[in-house]
Amino acid sequence: MNKASLIEHMAKETKLPKTVCKNAVESFVRFVETNLKKGKNVVLTGFGTFTVMRRKERVGINPATGQKMKIAAKRVPKFKAGKKLKDMVA
């Protein structure tokens, strides 16, 4: 499923116009992005938690040349599924 199919599904389920559903999805994505940039977690109880994880600097290998190279430390987004979602999928 991609963003367009999610919007279409939401429009059918809620009987709202696609533009309203598109705005809702995009607003949610912006909300998550903004909070993660600030270092804040976004928790949707039962569904999951969006967090920012810090990766340490490490040594990697360039697959094309086989040379070792330093990979800089960075922050990356992470999603951890909630218990309700895990139980539903299992």
N, C-alpha and C. Protein backbone atom coordinates (compact mmCIF):
# COMPACT_ATOMS: atom_id res chain seq x y z
N MET A 1 0.85 -1.18 0.00
CA MET A 1 0.00 0.00 0.00
C MET A 1 0.89 1.23 0.00
N ASN A 2 0.52 2.21 -0.78
CA ASN A 2 1.25 3.48 -0.81
C ASN A 2 0.32 4.60 -0.33
N LYS A 3 0.83 5.82 -0.34
CA LYS A 3 0.07 6.95 0.18
C LYS A 3 -1.24 7.15 -0.60
N ALA A 4 -1.18 7.03 -1.91
CA ALA A 4 -2.38 7.23 -2.74
C ALA A 4 -3.45 6.19 -2.43
N SER A 5 -3.05 4.94 -2.27
CA SER A 5 -4.05 3.90 -1.97
C SER A 5 -4.59 4.05 -0.55
N LEU A 6 -3.77 4.54 0.38
CA LEU A 6 -4.24 4.82 1.74
C LEU A 6 -5.30 5.91 1.70
N ILE A 7 -5.04 6.97 0.95
CA ILE A 7 -5.99 8.08 0.84
C ILE A 7 -7.30 7.59 0.22
N GLU A 8 -7.20 6.78 -0.81
CA GLU A 8 -8.40 6.24 -1.46
C GLU A 8 -9.20 5.37 -0.49
N HIS A 9 -8.51 4.53 0.27
CA HIS A 9 -9.17 3.66 1.25
C HIS A 9 -9.86 4.50 2.33
N MET A 10 -9.18 5.53 2.82
CA MET A 10 -9.77 6.40 3.84
C MET A 10 -11.01 7.09 3.31
N ALA A 11 -10.98 7.53 2.06
CA ALA A 11 -12.13 8.21 1.46
C ALA A 11 -13.34 7.27 1.38
N LYS A 12 -13.09 6.01 1.01
CA LYS A 12 -14.19 5.03 0.93
C LYS A 12 -14.74 4.72 2.32
N GLU A 13 -13.85 4.52 3.30
CA GLU A 13 -14.27 4.16 4.67
C GLU A 13 -15.05 5.29 5.34
N THR A 14 -14.59 6.51 5.17
CA THR A 14 -15.18 7.65 5.88
C THR A 14 -16.23 8.39 5.06
N LYS A 15 -16.30 8.09 3.76
CA LYS A 15 -17.20 8.79 2.84
C LYS A 15 -16.91 10.30 2.80
N LEU A 16 -15.63 10.64 3.02
CA LEU A 16 -15.17 12.02 2.91
C LEU A 16 -14.47 12.19 1.56
N PRO A 17 -14.39 13.43 1.07
CA PRO A 17 -13.68 13.66 -0.19
C PRO A 17 -12.21 13.28 -0.07
N LYS A 18 -11.63 12.87 -1.21
CA LYS A 18 -10.22 12.48 -1.22
C LYS A 18 -9.31 13.63 -0.78
N THR A 19 -9.69 14.85 -1.12
CA THR A 19 -8.85 16.00 -0.75
C THR A 19 -8.76 16.15 0.77
N VAL A 20 -9.87 15.89 1.46
CA VAL A 20 -9.88 15.97 2.93
C VAL A 20 -8.98 14.87 3.50
N CYS A 21 -9.10 13.66 2.95
CA CYS A 21 -8.28 12.54 3.42
C CYS A 21 -6.81 12.79 3.12
N LYS A 22 -6.52 13.34 1.95
CA LYS A 22 -5.14 13.65 1.58
C LYS A 22 -4.54 14.66 2.56
N ASN A 23 -5.31 15.69 2.88
CA ASN A 23 -4.85 16.70 3.84
C ASN A 23 -4.60 16.08 5.21
N ALA A 24 -5.46 15.16 5.63
CA ALA A 24 -5.30 14.50 6.93
C ALA A 24 -4.03 13.66 6.97
N VAL A 25 -3.79 12.88 5.92
CA VAL A 25 -2.59 12.03 5.85
C VAL A 25 -1.33 12.90 5.83
N GLU A 26 -1.33 13.92 5.00
CA GLU A 26 -0.16 14.79 4.90
C GLU A 26 0.08 15.55 6.20
N SER A 27 -0.97 15.95 6.88
CA SER A 27 -0.84 16.63 8.17
C SER A 27 -0.23 15.69 9.21
N PHE A 28 -0.66 14.44 9.22
CA PHE A 28 -0.10 13.46 10.15
C PHE A 28 1.39 13.24 9.88
N VAL A 29 1.74 13.09 8.62
CA VAL A 29 3.15 12.88 8.25
C VAL A 29 3.99 14.08 8.67
N ARG A 30 3.51 15.30 8.42
CA ARG A 30 4.24 16.50 8.84
C ARG A 30 4.39 16.56 10.35
N PHE A 31 3.34 16.16 11.08
CA PHE A 31 3.38 16.14 12.54
C PHE A 31 4.46 15.21 13.04
N VAL A 32 4.53 14.00 12.48
CA VAL A 32 5.55 13.03 12.88
C VAL A 32 6.94 13.57 12.53
N GLU A 33 7.11 14.09 11.33
CA GLU A 33 8.41 14.62 10.90
C GLU A 33 8.87 15.75 11.81
N THR A 34 7.99 16.69 12.09
CA THR A 34 8.33 17.85 12.92
C THR A 34 8.77 17.41 14.32
N ASN A 35 8.02 16.50 14.91
CA ASN A 35 8.35 16.06 16.26
C ASN A 35 9.64 15.24 16.30
N LEU A 36 9.88 14.41 15.29
CA LEU A 36 11.12 13.64 15.26
C LEU A 36 12.32 14.57 15.07
N LYS A 37 12.18 15.61 14.26
CA LYS A 37 13.26 16.59 14.09
C LYS A 37 13.62 17.24 15.41
N LYS A 38 12.61 17.47 16.25
CA LYS A 38 12.83 18.08 17.56
C LYS A 38 13.34 17.07 18.59
N GLY A 39 13.39 15.79 18.21
CA GLY A 39 13.85 14.76 19.13
C GLY A 39 12.74 14.20 20.02
N LYS A 40 11.49 14.53 19.70
CA LYS A 40 10.35 14.05 20.48
C LYS A 40 9.80 12.76 19.88
N ASN A 41 9.28 11.89 20.74
CA ASN A 41 8.65 10.66 20.29
C ASN A 41 7.19 10.92 19.96
N VAL A 42 6.64 10.14 19.04
CA VAL A 42 5.22 10.19 18.72
C VAL A 42 4.66 8.81 19.05
N VAL A 43 3.76 8.77 20.05
CA VAL A 43 3.22 7.51 20.54
C VAL A 43 1.75 7.40 20.16
N LEU A 44 1.40 6.34 19.46
CA LEU A 44 0.01 6.02 19.15
C LEU A 44 -0.31 4.74 19.91
N THR A 45 -0.91 4.87 21.07
CA THR A 45 -1.15 3.75 21.96
C THR A 45 -1.84 2.60 21.23
N GLY A 46 -1.27 1.42 21.35
CA GLY A 46 -1.80 0.23 20.70
C GLY A 46 -1.28 0.03 19.29
N PHE A 47 -0.86 1.11 18.64
CA PHE A 47 -0.36 1.00 17.27
C PHE A 47 1.16 0.96 17.25
N GLY A 48 1.80 1.97 17.85
CA GLY A 48 3.26 1.96 17.87
C GLY A 48 3.84 3.31 18.23
N THR A 49 5.17 3.36 18.22
CA THR A 49 5.91 4.56 18.61
C THR A 49 6.94 4.91 17.55
N PHE A 50 6.94 6.18 17.15
CA PHE A 50 7.96 6.70 16.26
C PHE A 50 9.00 7.38 17.13
N THR A 51 10.27 7.02 16.97
CA THR A 51 11.35 7.60 17.75
C THR A 51 12.53 7.94 16.85
N VAL A 52 13.51 8.62 17.44
CA VAL A 52 14.76 8.90 16.74
C VAL A 52 15.85 8.11 17.45
N MET A 53 16.60 7.35 16.68
CA MET A 53 17.68 6.53 17.22
C MET A 53 19.01 7.12 16.77
N ARG A 54 20.00 7.07 17.62
CA ARG A 54 21.33 7.59 17.30
C ARG A 54 22.22 6.42 16.92
N ARG A 55 22.75 6.45 15.71
CA ARG A 55 23.70 5.43 15.26
C ARG A 55 25.11 5.93 15.50
N LYS A 56 25.95 5.08 16.05
CA LYS A 56 27.34 5.44 16.32
C LYS A 56 28.13 5.44 15.02
N GLU A 57 29.27 6.13 15.06
CA GLU A 57 30.20 6.09 13.93
C GLU A 57 30.72 4.66 13.82
N ARG A 58 30.91 4.20 12.58
CA ARG A 58 31.38 2.82 12.40
C ARG A 58 32.22 2.72 11.13
N VAL A 59 32.88 1.58 10.99
CA VAL A 59 33.69 1.32 9.81
C VAL A 59 32.91 0.38 8.90
N GLY A 60 32.80 0.75 7.63
CA GLY A 60 32.12 -0.08 6.66
C GLY A 60 33.06 -0.41 5.51
N ILE A 61 32.59 -1.25 4.59
CA ILE A 61 33.40 -1.63 3.44
C ILE A 61 32.66 -1.23 2.17
N ASN A 62 33.36 -0.51 1.30
CA ASN A 62 32.79 -0.12 0.02
C ASN A 62 32.67 -1.38 -0.83
N PRO A 63 31.47 -1.79 -1.22
CA PRO A 63 31.30 -3.04 -1.97
C PRO A 63 31.95 -3.01 -3.36
N ALA A 64 32.09 -1.83 -3.93
CA ALA A 64 32.68 -1.73 -5.27
C ALA A 64 34.19 -1.90 -5.25
N THR A 65 34.83 -1.31 -4.23
CA THR A 65 36.30 -1.34 -4.20
C THR A 65 36.88 -2.24 -3.12
N GLY A 66 36.07 -2.59 -2.13
CA GLY A 66 36.56 -3.41 -1.03
C GLY A 66 37.32 -2.61 0.02
N GLN A 67 37.42 -1.28 -0.17
CA GLN A 67 38.13 -0.44 0.78
C GLN A 67 37.30 -0.18 2.02
N LYS A 68 38.00 -0.09 3.17
CA LYS A 68 37.31 0.27 4.41
C LYS A 68 37.08 1.78 4.40
N MET A 69 35.93 2.17 4.96
CA MET A 69 35.61 3.59 5.01
C MET A 69 34.87 3.89 6.31
N LYS A 70 35.00 5.10 6.75
CA LYS A 70 34.34 5.52 7.99
C LYS A 70 32.94 6.01 7.66
N ILE A 71 31.94 5.49 8.38
CA ILE A 71 30.56 5.93 8.22
C ILE A 71 30.24 6.80 9.43
N ALA A 72 29.87 8.03 9.19
CA ALA A 72 29.64 9.01 10.26
C ALA A 72 28.44 8.64 11.13
N ALA A 73 28.47 9.11 12.36
CA ALA A 73 27.33 8.94 13.27
C ALA A 73 26.16 9.75 12.72
N LYS A 74 24.96 9.27 12.97
CA LYS A 74 23.78 10.01 12.51
C LYS A 74 22.54 9.60 13.29
N ARG A 75 21.52 10.43 13.15
CA ARG A 75 20.23 10.13 13.77
C ARG A 75 19.32 9.54 12.69
N VAL A 76 18.59 8.50 13.04
CA VAL A 76 17.69 7.87 12.08
C VAL A 76 16.32 7.63 12.72
N PRO A 77 15.24 7.72 11.94
CA PRO A 77 13.91 7.44 12.50
C PRO A 77 13.73 5.94 12.71
N LYS A 78 12.91 5.62 13.71
CA LYS A 78 12.65 4.21 14.03
C LYS A 78 11.18 4.09 14.41
N PHE A 79 10.57 2.97 14.04
CA PHE A 79 9.19 2.69 14.43
C PHE A 79 9.16 1.38 15.18
N LYS A 80 8.54 1.39 16.35
CA LYS A 80 8.37 0.16 17.13
C LYS A 80 6.88 -0.11 17.25
N ALA A 81 6.46 -1.27 16.75
CA ALA A 81 5.04 -1.63 16.78
C ALA A 81 4.58 -1.85 18.21
N GLY A 82 3.34 -1.43 18.49
CA GLY A 82 2.74 -1.61 19.80
C GLY A 82 2.21 -3.03 19.97
N LYS A 83 1.91 -3.39 21.21
CA LYS A 83 1.46 -4.75 21.53
C LYS A 83 0.20 -5.14 20.76
N LYS A 84 -0.76 -4.24 20.70
CA LYS A 84 -2.03 -4.54 20.00
C LYS A 84 -1.78 -4.85 18.53
N LEU A 85 -0.92 -4.06 17.88
CA LEU A 85 -0.60 -4.30 16.47
C LEU A 85 0.16 -5.61 16.29
N LYS A 86 1.12 -5.86 17.17
CA LYS A 86 1.89 -7.12 17.10
C LYS A 86 0.97 -8.32 17.25
N ASP A 87 0.07 -8.26 18.23
CA ASP A 87 -0.85 -9.38 18.48
C ASP A 87 -1.79 -9.61 17.30
N MET A 88 -2.22 -8.52 16.64
CA MET A 88 -3.14 -8.63 15.52
C MET A 88 -2.46 -9.31 14.33
N VAL A 89 -1.19 -8.97 14.11
CA VAL A 89 -0.46 -9.51 12.96
C VAL A 89 -0.06 -10.96 13.19
N ALA A 90 0.25 -11.31 14.43
CA ALA A 90 0.74 -12.66 14.75
C ALA A 90 -0.26 -13.75 14.50
